[in-house]
Structure formats: C-alpha cells, structure tokens
C-alpha cells in the first residue's frame, strides 16, 4: 500500500505505544490483535525503532499481513491486517 493509502485507513483498534521500549509495543500489539475481528486493521504507534522489525516479523510468524509503515515526526505508524 502507498503511504497515502495507509494514512487513509480506518483502524479497528489503535495501540499507542509511544514512549515504550522494546518489547512493549509488540506485547501491546499482541494483546490488541485479539480484540479485533478477522480482516480487521490494527494500527500501532511506536517511537521505538526496533518495532519496525518486530511487528513485520511477528505478522509473518502469525500469518497476519503487515500492510506497511508510515514515519511521522518522532514515531512510526505500523498497520497490520488480522487474517486468521
């Protein structure tokens, strides 16, 4: 997806993990994904650069879809589609 398409997505759940160190954002994402339906979108906000590796690796392992990442001023927005 393009950055504009990602920015236009309406997430089913948003996890604001800004200010948390690794593995905080990933742990919050793991909890939150259980609260959305299959096909739903989870948006993770994180200021920890390691999350940019952790979330995509986790989505591959869990068979979810990492839709992409948008870099904002001082943090990242990561988008995950729950596919199972």
PDB file of N, CA and C in Angstrom:
ATOM      1  N   UNK A   1       0.840  -1.186   0.000  1.00  0.00           N
ATOM      2  CA  UNK A   1       0.000   0.000   0.000  1.00  0.00           C
ATOM      3  C   UNK A   1       0.886   1.249   0.000  1.00  0.00           C
ATOM      4  N   UNK A   2       0.369   2.293  -0.600  1.00  0.00           N
ATOM      5  CA  UNK A   2       1.114   3.546  -0.597  1.00  0.00           C
ATOM      6  C   UNK A   2       0.956   4.235   0.756  1.00  0.00           C
ATOM      7  N   UNK A   3       1.806   5.201   1.009  1.00  0.00           N
ATOM      8  CA  UNK A   3       1.723   5.950   2.258  1.00  0.00           C
ATOM      9  C   UNK A   3       0.381   6.650   2.391  1.00  0.00           C
ATOM     10  N   UNK A   4      -0.127   7.214   1.298  1.00  0.00           N
ATOM     11  CA  UNK A   4      -1.426   7.885   1.335  1.00  0.00           C
ATOM     12  C   UNK A   4      -2.551   6.899   1.647  1.00  0.00           C
ATOM     13  N   UNK A   5      -2.485   5.702   1.064  1.00  0.00           N
ATOM     14  CA  UNK A   5      -3.494   4.683   1.346  1.00  0.00           C
ATOM     15  C   UNK A   5      -3.448   4.260   2.815  1.00  0.00           C
ATOM     16  N   UNK A   6      -2.237   4.110   3.344  1.00  0.00           N
ATOM     17  CA  UNK A   6      -2.100   3.746   4.752  1.00  0.00           C
ATOM     18  C   UNK A   6      -2.679   4.831   5.656  1.00  0.00           C
ATOM     19  N   UNK A   7      -2.369   6.074   5.352  1.00  0.00           N
ATOM     20  CA  UNK A   7      -2.856   7.193   6.170  1.00  0.00           C
ATOM     21  C   UNK A   7      -4.375   7.285   6.141  1.00  0.00           C
ATOM     22  N   UNK A   8      -4.997   6.818   5.062  1.00  0.00           N
ATOM     23  CA  UNK A   8      -6.447   6.893   4.919  1.00  0.00           C
ATOM     24  C   UNK A   8      -7.168   5.714   5.573  1.00  0.00           C
ATOM     25  N   UNK A   9      -6.420   4.692   6.009  1.00  0.00           N
ATOM     26  CA  UNK A   9      -7.045   3.526   6.619  1.00  0.00           C
ATOM     27  C   UNK A   9      -7.745   3.892   7.928  1.00  0.00           C
ATOM     28  N   UNK A  10      -8.888   3.272   8.143  1.00  0.00           N
ATOM     29  CA  UNK A  10      -9.595   3.407   9.417  1.00  0.00           C
ATOM     30  C   UNK A  10      -9.333   2.132  10.207  1.00  0.00           C
ATOM     31  N   UNK A  11      -8.489   2.234  11.208  1.00  0.00           N
ATOM     32  CA  UNK A  11      -8.117   1.067  12.003  1.00  0.00           C
ATOM     33  C   UNK A  11      -9.264   0.668  12.930  1.00  0.00           C
ATOM     34  N   UNK A  12      -9.419  -0.638  13.130  1.00  0.00           N
ATOM     35  CA  UNK A  12     -10.400  -1.141  14.080  1.00  0.00           C
ATOM     36  C   UNK A  12      -9.932  -0.908  15.516  1.00  0.00           C
ATOM     37  N   UNK A  13      -8.625  -0.866  15.698  1.00  0.00           N
ATOM     38  CA  UNK A  13      -8.037  -0.658  17.031  1.00  0.00           C
ATOM     39  C   UNK A  13      -6.707   0.046  16.833  1.00  0.00           C
ATOM     40  N   UNK A  14      -6.416   1.029  17.686  1.00  0.00           N
ATOM     41  CA  UNK A  14      -5.148   1.740  17.657  1.00  0.00           C
ATOM     42  C   UNK A  14      -4.466   1.527  19.007  1.00  0.00           C
ATOM     43  N   UNK A  15      -3.215   1.096  18.947  1.00  0.00           N
ATOM     44  CA  UNK A  15      -2.405   0.926  20.147  1.00  0.00           C
ATOM     45  C   UNK A  15      -1.372   2.046  20.159  1.00  0.00           C
ATOM     46  N   UNK A  16      -1.423   2.879  21.185  1.00  0.00           N
ATOM     47  CA  UNK A  16      -0.447   3.958  21.308  1.00  0.00           C
ATOM     48  C   UNK A  16       0.646   3.495  22.265  1.00  0.00           C
ATOM     49  N   UNK A  17       1.741   3.014  21.689  1.00  0.00           N
ATOM     50  CA  UNK A  17       2.864   2.507  22.480  1.00  0.00           C
ATOM     51  C   UNK A  17       4.054   3.461  22.418  1.00  0.00           C
ATOM     52  N   UNK A  18       3.789   4.715  22.076  1.00  0.00           N
ATOM     53  CA  UNK A  18       4.876   5.699  22.035  1.00  0.00           C
ATOM     54  C   UNK A  18       5.450   5.869  23.432  1.00  0.00           C
ATOM     55  N   UNK A  19       6.769   5.914  23.520  1.00  0.00           N
ATOM     56  CA  UNK A  19       7.444   6.057  24.799  1.00  0.00           C
ATOM     57  C   UNK A  19       7.793   4.724  25.444  1.00  0.00           C
ATOM     58  N   UNK A  20       7.270   3.633  24.904  1.00  0.00           N
ATOM     59  CA  UNK A  20       7.595   2.306  25.433  1.00  0.00           C
ATOM     60  C   UNK A  20       8.831   1.767  24.749  1.00  0.00           C
ATOM     61  N   UNK A  21       9.667   1.094  25.536  1.00  0.00           N
ATOM     62  CA  UNK A  21      10.848   0.443  24.966  1.00  0.00           C
ATOM     63  C   UNK A  21      10.496  -0.988  24.575  1.00  0.00           C
ATOM     64  N   UNK A  22      11.299  -1.546  23.703  1.00  0.00           N
ATOM     65  CA  UNK A  22      11.147  -2.931  23.289  1.00  0.00           C
ATOM     66  C   UNK A  22      11.203  -3.833  24.519  1.00  0.00           C
ATOM     67  N   UNK A  23      10.334  -4.804  24.661  1.00  0.00           N
ATOM     68  CA  UNK A  23       9.347  -5.322  23.725  1.00  0.00           C
ATOM     69  C   UNK A  23       7.941  -4.770  23.946  1.00  0.00           C
ATOM     70  N   UNK A  24       7.799  -3.649  24.649  1.00  0.00           N
ATOM     71  CA  UNK A  24       6.486  -3.096  24.979  1.00  0.00           C
ATOM     72  C   UNK A  24       5.520  -2.949  23.816  1.00  0.00           C
ATOM     73  N   UNK A  25       5.916  -2.288  22.714  1.00  0.00           N
ATOM     74  CA  UNK A  25       4.977  -2.127  21.607  1.00  0.00           C
ATOM     75  C   UNK A  25       4.499  -3.467  21.021  1.00  0.00           C
ATOM     76  N   UNK A  26       5.391  -4.425  20.914  1.00  0.00           N
ATOM     77  CA  UNK A  26       4.996  -5.727  20.385  1.00  0.00           C
ATOM     78  C   UNK A  26       4.033  -6.430  21.340  1.00  0.00           C
ATOM     79  N   UNK A  27       4.302  -6.375  22.627  1.00  0.00           N
ATOM     80  CA  UNK A  27       3.409  -7.004  23.601  1.00  0.00           C
ATOM     81  C   UNK A  27       2.029  -6.363  23.568  1.00  0.00           C
ATOM     82  N   UNK A  28       1.975  -5.048  23.446  1.00  0.00           N
ATOM     83  CA  UNK A  28       0.690  -4.354  23.349  1.00  0.00           C
ATOM     84  C   UNK A  28      -0.052  -4.754  22.070  1.00  0.00           C
ATOM     85  N   UNK A  29       0.681  -4.895  20.975  1.00  0.00           N
ATOM     86  CA  UNK A  29       0.063  -5.316  19.710  1.00  0.00           C
ATOM     87  C   UNK A  29      -0.506  -6.731  19.831  1.00  0.00           C
ATOM     88  N   UNK A  30       0.230  -7.616  20.481  1.00  0.00           N
ATOM     89  CA  UNK A  30      -0.240  -8.995  20.656  1.00  0.00           C
ATOM     90  C   UNK A  30      -1.539  -9.043  21.447  1.00  0.00           C
ATOM     91  N   UNK A  31      -1.655  -8.206  22.474  1.00  0.00           N
ATOM     92  CA  UNK A  31      -2.890  -8.158  23.253  1.00  0.00           C
ATOM     93  C   UNK A  31      -4.037  -7.578  22.427  1.00  0.00           C
ATOM     94  N   UNK A  32      -3.752  -6.497  21.725  1.00  0.00           N
ATOM     95  CA  UNK A  32      -4.796  -5.776  20.999  1.00  0.00           C
ATOM     96  C   UNK A  32      -5.351  -6.562  19.820  1.00  0.00           C
ATOM     97  N   UNK A  33      -4.528  -7.352  19.162  1.00  0.00           N
ATOM     98  CA  UNK A  33      -4.985  -8.074  17.962  1.00  0.00           C
ATOM     99  C   UNK A  33      -6.105  -9.048  18.306  1.00  0.00           C
ATOM    100  N   UNK A  34      -6.150  -9.508  19.559  1.00  0.00           N
ATOM    101  CA  UNK A  34      -7.211 -10.437  19.969  1.00  0.00           C
ATOM    102  C   UNK A  34      -8.562  -9.749  20.058  1.00  0.00           C
ATOM    103  N   UNK A  35      -8.575  -8.429  20.087  1.00  0.00           N
ATOM    104  CA  UNK A  35      -9.804  -7.669  20.253  1.00  0.00           C
ATOM    105  C   UNK A  35     -10.446  -7.236  18.937  1.00  0.00           C
ATOM    106  N   UNK A  36      -9.810  -7.568  17.825  1.00  0.00           N
ATOM    107  CA  UNK A  36     -10.387  -7.167  16.544  1.00  0.00           C
ATOM    108  C   UNK A  36     -10.779  -8.411  15.744  1.00  0.00           C
ATOM    109  N   UNK A  37     -11.758  -8.258  14.850  1.00  0.00           N
ATOM    110  CA  UNK A  37     -12.214  -9.409  14.073  1.00  0.00           C
ATOM    111  C   UNK A  37     -11.232  -9.766  12.966  1.00  0.00           C
ATOM    112  N   UNK A  38     -11.369 -10.969  12.453  1.00  0.00           N
ATOM    113  CA  UNK A  38     -10.572 -11.379  11.293  1.00  0.00           C
ATOM    114  C   UNK A  38     -10.865 -10.415  10.147  1.00  0.00           C
ATOM    115  N   UNK A  39      -9.820  -9.955   9.498  1.00  0.00           N
ATOM    116  CA  UNK A  39      -9.964  -8.963   8.438  1.00  0.00           C
ATOM    117  C   UNK A  39      -9.828  -7.539   8.943  1.00  0.00           C
ATOM    118  N   UNK A  40      -9.806  -7.370  10.264  1.00  0.00           N
ATOM    119  CA  UNK A  40      -9.699  -6.054  10.866  1.00  0.00           C
ATOM    120  C   UNK A  40      -8.287  -5.500  10.798  1.00  0.00           C
ATOM    121  N   UNK A  41      -8.180  -4.213  11.032  1.00  0.00           N
ATOM    122  CA  UNK A  41      -6.903  -3.500  10.955  1.00  0.00           C
ATOM    123  C   UNK A  41      -6.490  -3.027  12.343  1.00  0.00           C
ATOM    124  N   UNK A  42      -5.238  -3.315  12.687  1.00  0.00           N
ATOM    125  CA  UNK A  42      -4.621  -2.823  13.914  1.00  0.00           C
ATOM    126  C   UNK A  42      -3.565  -1.800  13.520  1.00  0.00           C
ATOM    127  N   UNK A  43      -3.595  -0.655  14.185  1.00  0.00           N
ATOM    128  CA  UNK A  43      -2.577   0.369  13.974  1.00  0.00           C
ATOM    129  C   UNK A  43      -1.767   0.492  15.257  1.00  0.00           C
ATOM    130  N   UNK A  44      -0.443   0.397  15.133  1.00  0.00           N
ATOM    131  CA  UNK A  44       0.445   0.506  16.286  1.00  0.00           C
ATOM    132  C   UNK A  44       1.273   1.778  16.133  1.00  0.00           C
ATOM    133  N   UNK A  45       1.214   2.635  17.141  1.00  0.00           N
ATOM    134  CA  UNK A  45       2.028   3.841  17.166  1.00  0.00           C
ATOM    135  C   UNK A  45       3.213   3.561  18.075  1.00  0.00           C
ATOM    136  N   UNK A  46       4.419   3.741  17.563  1.00  0.00           N
ATOM    137  CA  UNK A  46       5.602   3.424  18.356  1.00  0.00           C
ATOM    138  C   UNK A  46       6.733   4.395  18.067  1.00  0.00           C
ATOM    139  N   UNK A  47       7.421   4.798  19.146  1.00  0.00           N
ATOM    140  CA  UNK A  47       8.602   5.643  18.996  1.00  0.00           C
ATOM    141  C   UNK A  47       9.881   4.814  19.100  1.00  0.00           C
ATOM    142  N   UNK A  48       9.740   3.500  19.310  1.00  0.00           N
ATOM    143  CA  UNK A  48      10.880   2.593  19.410  1.00  0.00           C
ATOM    144  C   UNK A  48      11.199   2.036  18.021  1.00  0.00           C
ATOM    145  N   UNK A  49      12.376   2.369  17.511  1.00  0.00           N
ATOM    146  CA  UNK A  49      12.739   1.975  16.141  1.00  0.00           C
ATOM    147  C   UNK A  49      12.728   0.460  15.941  1.00  0.00           C
ATOM    148  N   UNK A  50      13.012  -0.305  16.989  1.00  0.00           N
ATOM    149  CA  UNK A  50      13.018  -1.760  16.889  1.00  0.00           C
ATOM    150  C   UNK A  50      11.669  -2.342  16.506  1.00  0.00           C
ATOM    151  N   UNK A  51      10.601  -1.600  16.776  1.00  0.00           N
ATOM    152  CA  UNK A  51       9.261  -2.056  16.426  1.00  0.00           C
ATOM    153  C   UNK A  51       9.122  -2.243  14.918  1.00  0.00           C
ATOM    154  N   UNK A  52       9.893  -1.476  14.151  1.00  0.00           N
ATOM    155  CA  UNK A  52       9.835  -1.586  12.689  1.00  0.00           C
ATOM    156  C   UNK A  52      10.304  -2.951  12.195  1.00  0.00           C
ATOM    157  N   UNK A  53      11.090  -3.645  12.991  1.00  0.00           N
ATOM    158  CA  UNK A  53      11.488  -5.017  12.675  1.00  0.00           C
ATOM    159  C   UNK A  53      10.586  -6.021  13.372  1.00  0.00           C
ATOM    160  N   UNK A  54      10.243  -5.736  14.633  1.00  0.00           N
ATOM    161  CA  UNK A  54       9.475  -6.679  15.441  1.00  0.00           C
ATOM    162  C   UNK A  54       8.087  -6.961  14.878  1.00  0.00           C
ATOM    163  N   UNK A  55       7.358  -5.928  14.512  1.00  0.00           N
ATOM    164  CA  UNK A  55       5.977  -6.114  14.037  1.00  0.00           C
ATOM    165  C   UNK A  55       5.935  -6.906  12.729  1.00  0.00           C
ATOM    166  N   UNK A  56       6.724  -6.556  11.708  1.00  0.00           N
ATOM    167  CA  UNK A  56       6.688  -7.364  10.477  1.00  0.00           C
ATOM    168  C   UNK A  56       7.079  -8.831  10.713  1.00  0.00           C
ATOM    169  N   UNK A  57       8.084  -9.083  11.572  1.00  0.00           N
ATOM    170  CA  UNK A  57       8.476 -10.466  11.848  1.00  0.00           C
ATOM    171  C   UNK A  57       7.337 -11.216  12.546  1.00  0.00           C
ATOM    172  N   UNK A  58       6.694 -10.566  13.489  1.00  0.00           N
ATOM    173  CA  UNK A  58       5.571 -11.166  14.208  1.00  0.00           C
ATOM    174  C   UNK A  58       4.407 -11.454  13.260  1.00  0.00           C
ATOM    175  N   UNK A  59       4.107 -10.522  12.353  1.00  0.00           N
ATOM    176  CA  UNK A  59       2.991 -10.746  11.432  1.00  0.00           C
ATOM    177  C   UNK A  59       3.250 -11.942  10.522  1.00  0.00           C
ATOM    178  N   UNK A  60       4.479 -12.103  10.061  1.00  0.00           N
ATOM    179  CA  UNK A  60       4.806 -13.272   9.222  1.00  0.00           C
ATOM    180  C   UNK A  60       4.630 -14.558  10.010  1.00  0.00           C
ATOM    181  N   UNK A  61       5.104 -14.559  11.226  1.00  0.00           N
ATOM    182  CA  UNK A  61       5.011 -15.754  12.077  1.00  0.00           C
ATOM    183  C   UNK A  61       3.552 -16.132  12.348  1.00  0.00           C
ATOM    184  N   UNK A  62       2.716 -15.126  12.570  1.00  0.00           N
ATOM    185  CA  UNK A  62       1.314 -15.357  12.928  1.00  0.00           C
ATOM    186  C   UNK A  62       0.395 -15.456  11.715  1.00  0.00           C
ATOM    187  N   UNK A  63       0.946 -15.279  10.520  1.00  0.00           N
ATOM    188  CA  UNK A  63       0.172 -15.307   9.280  1.00  0.00           C
ATOM    189  C   UNK A  63      -0.791 -14.122   9.166  1.00  0.00           C
ATOM    190  N   UNK A  64      -0.417 -12.991   9.794  1.00  0.00           N
ATOM    191  CA  UNK A  64      -1.136 -11.737   9.607  1.00  0.00           C
ATOM    192  C   UNK A  64      -0.477 -11.004   8.446  1.00  0.00           C
ATOM    193  N   UNK A  65      -1.045  -9.887   8.055  1.00  0.00           N
ATOM    194  CA  UNK A  65      -0.493  -9.119   6.938  1.00  0.00           C
ATOM    195  C   UNK A  65      -0.008  -7.759   7.429  1.00  0.00           C
ATOM    196  N   UNK A  66       1.301  -7.515   7.280  1.00  0.00           N
ATOM    197  CA  UNK A  66       1.840  -6.183   7.584  1.00  0.00           C
ATOM    198  C   UNK A  66       1.572  -5.323   6.358  1.00  0.00           C
ATOM    199  N   UNK A  67       0.695  -4.359   6.497  1.00  0.00           N
ATOM    200  CA  UNK A  67       0.283  -3.538   5.357  1.00  0.00           C
ATOM    201  C   UNK A  67       1.295  -2.457   5.034  1.00  0.00           C
ATOM    202  N   UNK A  68       2.061  -2.039   6.046  1.00  0.00           N
ATOM    203  CA  UNK A  68       3.065  -1.017   5.812  1.00  0.00           C
ATOM    204  C   UNK A  68       3.282  -0.151   7.040  1.00  0.00           C
ATOM    205  N   UNK A  69       4.230   0.754   6.896  1.00  0.00           N
ATOM    206  CA  UNK A  69       4.622   1.645   7.984  1.00  0.00           C
ATOM    207  C   UNK A  69       4.705   3.068   7.456  1.00  0.00           C
ATOM    208  N   UNK A  70       4.228   3.993   8.259  1.00  0.00           N
ATOM    209  CA  UNK A  70       4.309   5.416   7.927  1.00  0.00           C
ATOM    210  C   UNK A  70       5.152   6.083   9.005  1.00  0.00           C
ATOM    211  N   UNK A  71       6.169   6.819   8.580  1.00  0.00           N
ATOM    212  CA  UNK A  71       7.001   7.547   9.532  1.00  0.00           C
ATOM    213  C   UNK A  71       6.425   8.939   9.755  1.00  0.00           C
ATOM    214  N   UNK A  72       6.182   9.243  11.018  1.00  0.00           N
ATOM    215  CA  UNK A  72       5.710  10.563  11.410  1.00  0.00           C
ATOM    216  C   UNK A  72       6.845  11.255  12.169  1.00  0.00           C
ATOM    217  N   UNK A  73       6.620  12.446  12.657  1.00  0.00           N
ATOM    218  CA  UNK A  73       7.644  13.177  13.407  1.00  0.00           C
ATOM    219  C   UNK A  73       7.839  12.532  14.781  1.00  0.00           C
ATOM    220  N   UNK A  74       8.902  11.757  14.922  1.00  0.00           N
ATOM    221  CA  UNK A  74       9.235  11.167  16.207  1.00  0.00           C
ATOM    222  C   UNK A  74       8.624   9.809  16.509  1.00  0.00           C
ATOM    223  N   UNK A  75       7.850   9.270  15.593  1.00  0.00           N
ATOM    224  CA  UNK A  75       7.265   7.939  15.807  1.00  0.00           C
ATOM    225  C   UNK A  75       6.855   7.314  14.469  1.00  0.00           C
ATOM    226  N   UNK A  76       6.463   6.043  14.542  1.00  0.00           N
ATOM    227  CA  UNK A  76       6.025   5.307  13.360  1.00  0.00           C
ATOM    228  C   UNK A  76       4.608   4.803  13.581  1.00  0.00           C
ATOM    229  N   UNK A  77       3.864   4.675  12.475  1.00  0.00           N
ATOM    230  CA  UNK A  77       2.531   4.078  12.475  1.00  0.00           C
ATOM    231  C   UNK A  77       2.639   2.783  11.667  1.00  0.00           C
ATOM    232  N   UNK A  78       2.399   1.655  12.321  1.00  0.00           N
ATOM    233  CA  UNK A  78       2.502   0.356  11.662  1.00  0.00           C
ATOM    234  C   UNK A  78       1.096  -0.231  11.552  1.00  0.00           C
ATOM    235  N   UNK A  79       0.781  -0.767  10.383  1.00  0.00           N
ATOM    236  CA  UNK A  79      -0.558  -1.273  10.107  1.00  0.00           C
ATOM    237  C   UNK A  79      -0.532  -2.776   9.872  1.00  0.00           C
ATOM    238  N   UNK A  80      -1.420  -3.485  10.563  1.00  0.00           N
ATOM    239  CA  UNK A  80      -1.489  -4.942  10.485  1.00  0.00           C
ATOM    240  C   UNK A  80      -2.926  -5.351  10.211  1.00  0.00           C
ATOM    241  N   UNK A  81      -3.110  -6.250   9.240  1.00  0.00           N
ATOM    242  CA  UNK A  81      -4.437  -6.825   8.988  1.00  0.00           C
ATOM    243  C   UNK A  81      -4.462  -8.215   9.625  1.00  0.00           C
ATOM    244  N   UNK A  82      -5.451  -8.450  10.458  1.00  0.00           N
ATOM    245  CA  UNK A  82      -5.631  -9.758  11.069  1.00  0.00           C
ATOM    246  C   UNK A  82      -6.291 -10.666  10.039  1.00  0.00           C
ATOM    247  N   UNK A  83      -5.600 -11.687   9.606  1.00  0.00           N
ATOM    248  CA  UNK A  83      -6.098 -12.509   8.506  1.00  0.00           C
ATOM    249  C   UNK A  83      -6.587 -13.874   8.954  1.00  0.00           C
ATOM    250  N   UNK A  84      -6.428 -14.203  10.215  1.00  0.00           N
ATOM    251  CA  UNK A  84      -6.908 -15.509  10.713  1.00  0.00           C
ATOM    252  C   UNK A  84      -7.809 -15.313  11.907  1.00  0.00           C
TER     253      UNK A  84
END
